[in-house]
Amino acid sequence: MTQTVLVLGASGHFGSQAARAFAAADWTVKTFQRGTDMTAAAMGVDLIVNALNPPNYHAWDRLIPQITADVIAAGLASGATVLVPGNVYVYGDQPGPWGANTPHRPVARKGAIRAKMEAEYRAATTQGLRVIILRGGDFIDPASPKSFWNMVALKSVAKGRITNATAPGTMRAYAYLPDMARAAAALADIRANLPAFADIPFAGYTLRFEDIAAHLERLSGKKMRLTPFMWWFMRLAGPFWELARELNEMRYLFSTSHALDPAPLAALLPDFRLTPLDDVLRAELATLAPNLMTPHGRSISAQTGR
């Protein structure tokens, strides 16, 4: 029997990939139109994917609680399970690897907002709501021109420059969104076997930015130079520019080594495999540095064997 998913925020980073992944998994995909009645839209669906997120951290303190209340109401009225792409802000700067048993100890305002959001979802399970939090690190999506990777980190990769926002040697968790969306669809298929509140880390890749640069050098055959992100400018611009202020608050995550625990997802989805990192980075090169790719879409180094 065909299942139906309602994707909220289907034009955004996670939402667009979720819509593709669920369609590929033979779900009927409905998308939510902002400004319409969410509860009415959810009636008759099996799953709600809440990928709504105010862009550029705009007014999180006001908008996220409203979105959360609307999603909970829609889930309770329709009986649909709710799946939310979680992040790592709730853990603050405590040692990892992070997972469902890691206490929520946010050190930034946005982390506190997300922790409160998750607590409200958990509380709603006592009323009958079922919730899946699929938690990933920094998003990687070659198809999204507005991702941090594409707008900042790898913007000048065609010229052999990579902007590094991390402190030297910092290990960070990265989630390739097509993979994370595939995992979401696979978890939705087994949702009846999950607890009412399932907090599942999506470990993805754990890398230093120096490792990313080395991979890109090997794949492209071009020397990559790491240049520092202008945190000083973010600090100066903060009083006048909302995005700069909000990014600067999250700077601690760029100097805190962290990883997500891969064991829970591996136990639930033993056949799930990540896309090889080289394939992900080739897709980034094809998008941002087509001059470093052959006419057949392979990197120059892959063709020459360098």
Protein backbone atom coordinates (compact mmCIF):
# COMPACT_ATOMS: atom_id res chain seq x y z
CA MET A 1 0.00 0.00 0.00
CA THR A 2 1.35 3.41 -0.99
CA GLN A 3 2.30 5.68 1.89
CA THR A 4 2.04 9.46 1.84
CA VAL A 5 4.46 12.00 3.24
CA LEU A 6 3.84 15.71 3.70
CA VAL A 7 7.11 17.64 3.33
CA LEU A 8 7.21 21.03 5.03
CA GLY A 9 9.87 23.28 3.56
CA ALA A 10 10.25 21.26 0.36
CA SER A 11 12.20 24.06 -1.34
CA GLY A 12 14.88 24.14 1.37
CA HIS A 13 18.10 22.20 1.91
CA PHE A 14 16.79 19.09 3.65
CA GLY A 15 13.21 19.35 2.42
CA SER A 16 14.10 19.24 -1.27
CA GLN A 17 16.30 16.19 -0.79
CA ALA A 18 13.66 14.51 1.39
CA ALA A 19 11.03 14.99 -1.31
CA ARG A 20 13.33 13.29 -3.83
CA ALA A 21 14.28 10.45 -1.49
CA PHE A 22 10.71 9.63 -0.50
CA ALA A 23 9.56 9.73 -4.12
CA ALA A 24 12.40 7.33 -5.02
CA ALA A 25 11.24 5.06 -2.18
CA ASP A 26 7.73 4.92 -3.75
CA TRP A 27 6.02 7.23 -1.30
CA THR A 28 3.40 9.70 -2.49
CA VAL A 29 4.91 13.12 -1.77
CA LYS A 30 2.79 16.13 -0.84
CA THR A 31 4.40 19.51 -0.31
CA PHE A 32 3.14 22.13 2.11
CA GLN A 33 2.30 25.61 0.86
CA ARG A 34 3.27 28.26 3.39
CA GLY A 35 0.31 30.29 4.59
CA THR A 36 -2.16 27.41 4.32
CA ASP A 37 -3.63 25.30 7.11
CA MET A 38 -0.99 22.76 8.14
CA THR A 39 -3.40 20.52 10.02
CA ALA A 40 -5.72 20.34 7.03
CA ALA A 41 -2.78 19.55 4.76
CA ALA A 42 -1.68 16.73 7.07
CA MET A 43 -4.97 14.87 7.13
CA GLY A 44 -4.62 11.45 5.51
CA VAL A 45 -0.80 11.42 5.44
CA ASP A 46 1.38 8.84 7.17
CA LEU A 47 4.41 11.04 7.85
CA ILE A 48 5.19 14.72 8.23
CA VAL A 49 8.76 15.81 7.47
CA ASN A 50 9.34 19.12 9.24
CA ALA A 51 12.09 20.72 7.19
CA LEU A 52 10.85 24.25 7.90
CA ASN A 53 13.69 26.38 9.19
CA PRO A 54 13.88 30.19 9.13
CA PRO A 55 16.70 31.05 6.67
CA ASN A 56 19.92 32.64 7.87
CA TYR A 57 18.90 32.06 11.52
CA HIS A 58 16.27 34.80 11.20
CA ALA A 59 14.09 35.26 14.32
CA TRP A 60 14.58 31.70 15.57
CA ASP A 61 13.35 32.64 19.05
CA ARG A 62 9.96 33.63 17.63
CA LEU A 63 9.51 31.43 14.55
CA ILE A 64 10.74 28.00 15.69
CA PRO A 65 8.31 27.76 18.64
CA GLN A 66 5.43 28.64 16.30
CA ILE A 67 6.50 26.08 13.70
CA THR A 68 6.88 23.46 16.43
CA ALA A 69 3.40 24.10 17.83
CA ASP A 70 1.87 23.92 14.35
CA VAL A 71 3.65 20.65 13.51
CA ILE A 72 2.69 19.03 16.81
CA ALA A 73 -0.95 20.03 16.30
CA ALA A 74 -0.90 18.66 12.75
CA GLY A 75 0.68 15.40 13.87
CA LEU A 76 -1.76 14.85 16.71
CA ALA A 77 -4.80 15.66 14.58
CA SER A 78 -3.75 13.49 11.64
CA GLY A 79 -2.05 10.64 13.49
CA ALA A 80 1.01 11.05 11.28
CA THR A 81 4.52 10.41 12.58
CA VAL A 82 6.71 13.53 12.58
CA LEU A 83 10.31 13.38 11.31
CA VAL A 84 12.60 16.31 12.08
CA PRO A 85 16.16 16.86 10.81
CA GLY A 86 18.01 17.64 14.03
CA ASN A 87 21.34 19.38 14.48
CA VAL A 88 24.18 19.26 17.01
CA TYR A 89 23.59 22.64 18.65
CA VAL A 90 21.90 21.06 21.67
CA TYR A 91 25.13 19.40 22.84
CA GLY A 92 27.19 22.55 23.29
CA ASP A 93 30.92 21.96 23.56
CA GLN A 94 31.01 18.78 25.66
CA PRO A 95 33.14 15.83 24.50
CA GLY A 96 31.72 13.37 21.96
CA PRO A 97 30.86 11.24 20.20
CA TRP A 98 27.33 12.59 20.59
CA GLY A 99 24.17 10.49 20.54
CA ALA A 100 20.74 9.98 22.09
CA ASN A 101 22.22 9.54 25.59
CA THR A 102 24.31 12.71 25.43
CA PRO A 103 22.80 15.36 27.73
CA HIS A 104 21.55 18.55 26.13
CA ARG A 105 23.89 21.28 27.37
CA PRO A 106 23.68 24.09 24.82
CA VAL A 107 26.12 26.96 25.14
CA ALA A 108 24.50 29.22 22.52
CA ARG A 109 21.06 30.79 22.31
CA LYS A 110 20.17 28.85 19.15
CA GLY A 111 21.14 25.61 20.85
CA ALA A 112 18.78 26.44 23.72
CA ILE A 113 15.97 27.14 21.23
CA ARG A 114 16.51 23.78 19.53
CA ALA A 115 16.72 21.94 22.86
CA LYS A 116 13.40 23.47 23.92
CA MET A 117 11.91 22.49 20.55
CA GLU A 118 12.98 18.87 20.99
CA ALA A 119 11.65 18.82 24.55
CA GLU A 120 8.26 19.93 23.25
CA TYR A 121 8.23 17.14 20.67
CA ARG A 122 9.16 14.63 23.36
CA ALA A 123 6.41 15.90 25.66
CA ALA A 124 3.86 15.57 22.84
CA THR A 125 4.56 11.82 22.64
CA THR A 126 2.67 11.47 25.93
CA GLN A 127 -0.39 12.64 23.97
CA GLY A 128 0.12 10.04 21.24
CA LEU A 129 2.50 11.79 18.83
CA ARG A 130 5.32 9.70 17.35
CA VAL A 131 8.55 11.57 16.54
CA ILE A 132 11.82 10.75 14.79
CA ILE A 133 14.74 13.15 15.25
CA LEU A 134 17.37 12.33 12.62
CA ARG A 135 20.38 14.35 13.71
CA GLY A 136 23.18 15.39 11.38
CA GLY A 137 26.21 17.65 11.39
CA ASP A 138 26.97 20.38 8.85
CA PHE A 139 25.00 19.87 5.65
CA ILE A 140 26.76 19.09 2.36
CA ASP A 141 24.66 19.47 -0.78
CA PRO A 142 26.32 20.17 -4.13
CA ALA A 143 22.88 20.92 -5.58
CA SER A 144 22.23 23.79 -3.16
CA PRO A 145 23.84 27.07 -4.18
CA LYS A 146 22.97 28.61 -0.80
CA SER A 147 24.73 26.05 1.38
CA PHE A 148 27.68 27.29 3.50
CA TRP A 149 29.98 24.94 1.59
CA ASN A 150 28.99 26.32 -1.80
CA MET A 151 28.63 29.97 -0.83
CA VAL A 152 31.72 30.23 1.38
CA ALA A 153 33.95 27.21 1.98
CA LEU A 154 34.38 26.00 -1.62
CA LYS A 155 33.32 29.12 -3.48
CA SER A 156 36.83 29.63 -4.93
CA VAL A 157 37.85 25.98 -5.27
CA ALA A 158 38.21 26.43 -9.04
CA LYS A 159 41.06 28.85 -8.26
CA GLY A 160 42.64 26.47 -5.77
CA ARG A 161 41.39 28.31 -2.68
CA ILE A 162 39.30 26.86 0.15
CA THR A 163 37.94 29.05 2.93
CA ASN A 164 38.47 27.34 6.28
CA ALA A 165 36.25 28.47 9.15
CA THR A 166 37.59 25.86 11.57
CA ALA A 167 40.43 26.00 14.05
CA PRO A 168 43.44 23.90 12.91
CA GLY A 169 42.92 20.17 13.43
CA THR A 170 39.24 20.43 14.41
CA MET A 171 37.24 17.29 13.59
CA ARG A 172 33.64 17.99 12.57
CA ALA A 173 30.57 15.98 11.57
CA TYR A 174 29.22 16.46 8.04
CA ALA A 175 25.96 15.13 6.58
CA TYR A 176 25.61 14.65 2.83
CA LEU A 177 21.96 15.56 2.43
CA PRO A 178 20.99 13.00 -0.25
CA ASP A 179 22.29 10.28 2.11
CA MET A 180 20.57 11.76 5.16
CA ALA A 181 17.31 11.97 3.20
CA ARG A 182 17.65 8.32 2.11
CA ALA A 183 18.14 7.37 5.75
CA ALA A 184 15.02 9.35 6.67
CA ALA A 185 12.94 7.43 4.13
CA ALA A 186 14.34 4.10 5.33
CA LEU A 187 13.60 4.95 8.97
CA ALA A 188 10.07 6.02 8.05
CA ASP A 189 9.48 2.56 6.63
CA ILE A 190 10.30 0.97 10.02
CA ARG A 191 8.73 3.67 12.18
CA ALA A 192 6.35 1.20 13.81
CA ASN A 193 9.37 -0.54 15.35
CA LEU A 194 10.88 2.66 16.77
CA PRO A 195 10.16 4.19 20.18
CA ALA A 196 7.59 6.98 20.33
CA PHE A 197 10.48 9.47 20.52
CA ALA A 198 13.42 8.19 18.46
CA ASP A 199 16.59 10.29 18.63
CA ILE A 200 18.88 8.86 15.95
CA PRO A 201 22.29 10.32 15.04
CA PHE A 202 23.31 10.41 11.40
CA ALA A 203 27.10 10.22 11.71
CA GLY A 204 27.93 10.97 8.09
CA TYR A 205 31.60 11.89 7.67
CA THR A 206 33.91 13.10 10.45
CA LEU A 207 36.69 15.18 8.94
CA ARG A 208 39.18 17.95 9.47
CA PHE A 209 39.06 20.67 6.85
CA GLU A 210 42.67 19.82 6.11
CA ASP A 211 41.43 16.33 5.12
CA ILE A 212 38.85 17.86 2.76
CA ALA A 213 41.53 19.97 1.11
CA ALA A 214 43.75 16.90 0.64
CA HIS A 215 40.88 14.95 -0.96
CA LEU A 216 40.12 17.82 -3.32
CA GLU A 217 43.78 18.14 -4.29
CA ARG A 218 43.93 14.46 -5.14
CA LEU A 219 40.68 14.50 -7.09
CA SER A 220 41.36 17.70 -9.03
CA GLY A 221 45.11 17.50 -9.48
CA LYS A 222 45.25 21.14 -8.35
CA LYS A 223 47.01 22.45 -5.26
CA MET A 224 44.51 23.75 -2.72
CA ARG A 225 45.35 26.64 -0.41
CA LEU A 226 43.44 27.05 2.85
CA THR A 227 42.53 30.65 3.61
CA PRO A 228 40.98 31.67 6.94
CA PHE A 229 37.33 32.65 7.19
CA MET A 230 36.85 36.29 8.15
CA TRP A 231 35.58 35.76 11.68
CA TRP A 232 36.95 39.20 12.55
CA PHE A 233 34.58 40.72 9.99
CA MET A 234 31.63 38.73 11.38
CA ARG A 235 32.42 40.14 14.82
CA LEU A 236 32.58 43.74 13.53
CA ALA A 237 29.48 43.40 11.35
CA GLY A 238 27.42 41.63 14.01
CA PRO A 239 25.73 44.73 15.46
CA PHE A 240 24.47 45.71 11.99
CA TRP A 241 23.98 42.39 10.15
CA GLU A 242 21.78 39.62 11.56
CA LEU A 243 23.51 36.72 9.76
CA ALA A 244 26.97 37.85 10.92
CA ARG A 245 25.77 38.09 14.50
CA GLU A 246 24.13 34.66 14.40
CA LEU A 247 27.11 32.98 12.74
CA ASN A 248 29.50 34.47 15.26
CA GLU A 249 27.45 32.96 18.08
CA MET A 250 28.06 29.52 16.57
CA ARG A 251 31.80 29.96 16.16
CA TYR A 252 32.43 27.55 19.04
CA LEU A 253 31.29 24.67 16.81
CA PHE A 254 34.11 25.45 14.40
CA SER A 255 36.72 24.99 17.12
CA THR A 256 35.08 22.12 19.05
CA SER A 257 36.06 18.70 17.71
CA HIS A 258 32.98 16.52 17.56
CA ALA A 259 31.45 13.43 15.99
CA LEU A 260 28.09 11.65 16.00
CA ASP A 261 27.75 8.02 17.06
CA PRO A 262 27.22 5.79 13.98
CA ALA A 263 26.14 2.68 15.94
CA PRO A 264 22.39 3.37 16.40
CA LEU A 265 21.72 3.96 12.69
CA ALA A 266 23.86 0.96 11.73
CA ALA A 267 21.81 -1.24 14.07
CA LEU A 268 18.51 0.01 12.63
CA LEU A 269 19.58 0.08 8.96
CA PRO A 270 22.37 -2.51 8.61
CA ASP A 271 22.32 -2.36 4.80
CA PHE A 272 22.54 1.44 4.60
CA ARG A 273 25.74 2.74 3.01
CA LEU A 274 27.04 6.29 2.74
CA THR A 275 27.92 7.68 -0.65
CA PRO A 276 31.73 7.48 -0.92
CA LEU A 277 33.27 10.80 0.07
CA ASP A 278 35.19 11.00 -3.21
CA ASP A 279 31.90 10.88 -5.13
CA VAL A 280 30.48 13.68 -2.99
CA LEU A 281 33.53 15.86 -3.57
CA ARG A 282 33.50 15.09 -7.31
CA ALA A 283 29.94 16.40 -7.36
CA GLU A 284 31.12 19.57 -5.61
CA LEU A 285 33.90 19.99 -8.16
CA ALA A 286 31.47 19.44 -11.05
CA THR A 287 29.25 22.18 -9.63
CA LEU A 288 31.84 24.72 -8.53
CA ALA A 289 34.92 23.93 -10.63
CA PRO A 290 33.86 22.47 -13.99
CA ASN A 291 37.23 23.63 -15.32
CA LEU A 292 38.78 20.84 -13.23
CA MET A 293 36.51 18.16 -14.70
CA THR A 294 36.85 16.18 -17.93
CA PRO A 295 34.05 16.20 -20.55
CA HIS A 296 32.89 12.85 -19.12
CA GLY A 297 32.34 14.34 -15.64
CA ARG A 298 35.37 12.76 -13.98
CA SER A 299 38.02 14.84 -12.27
CA ILE A 300 41.22 15.44 -14.20
CA SER A 301 43.23 13.45 -11.65
CA ALA A 302 40.85 10.49 -11.90
CA GLN A 303 41.43 10.40 -15.67
CA THR A 304 45.18 10.80 -15.48
CA GLY A 305 45.69 8.60 -12.43
CA ARG A 306 47.43 11.32 -10.42
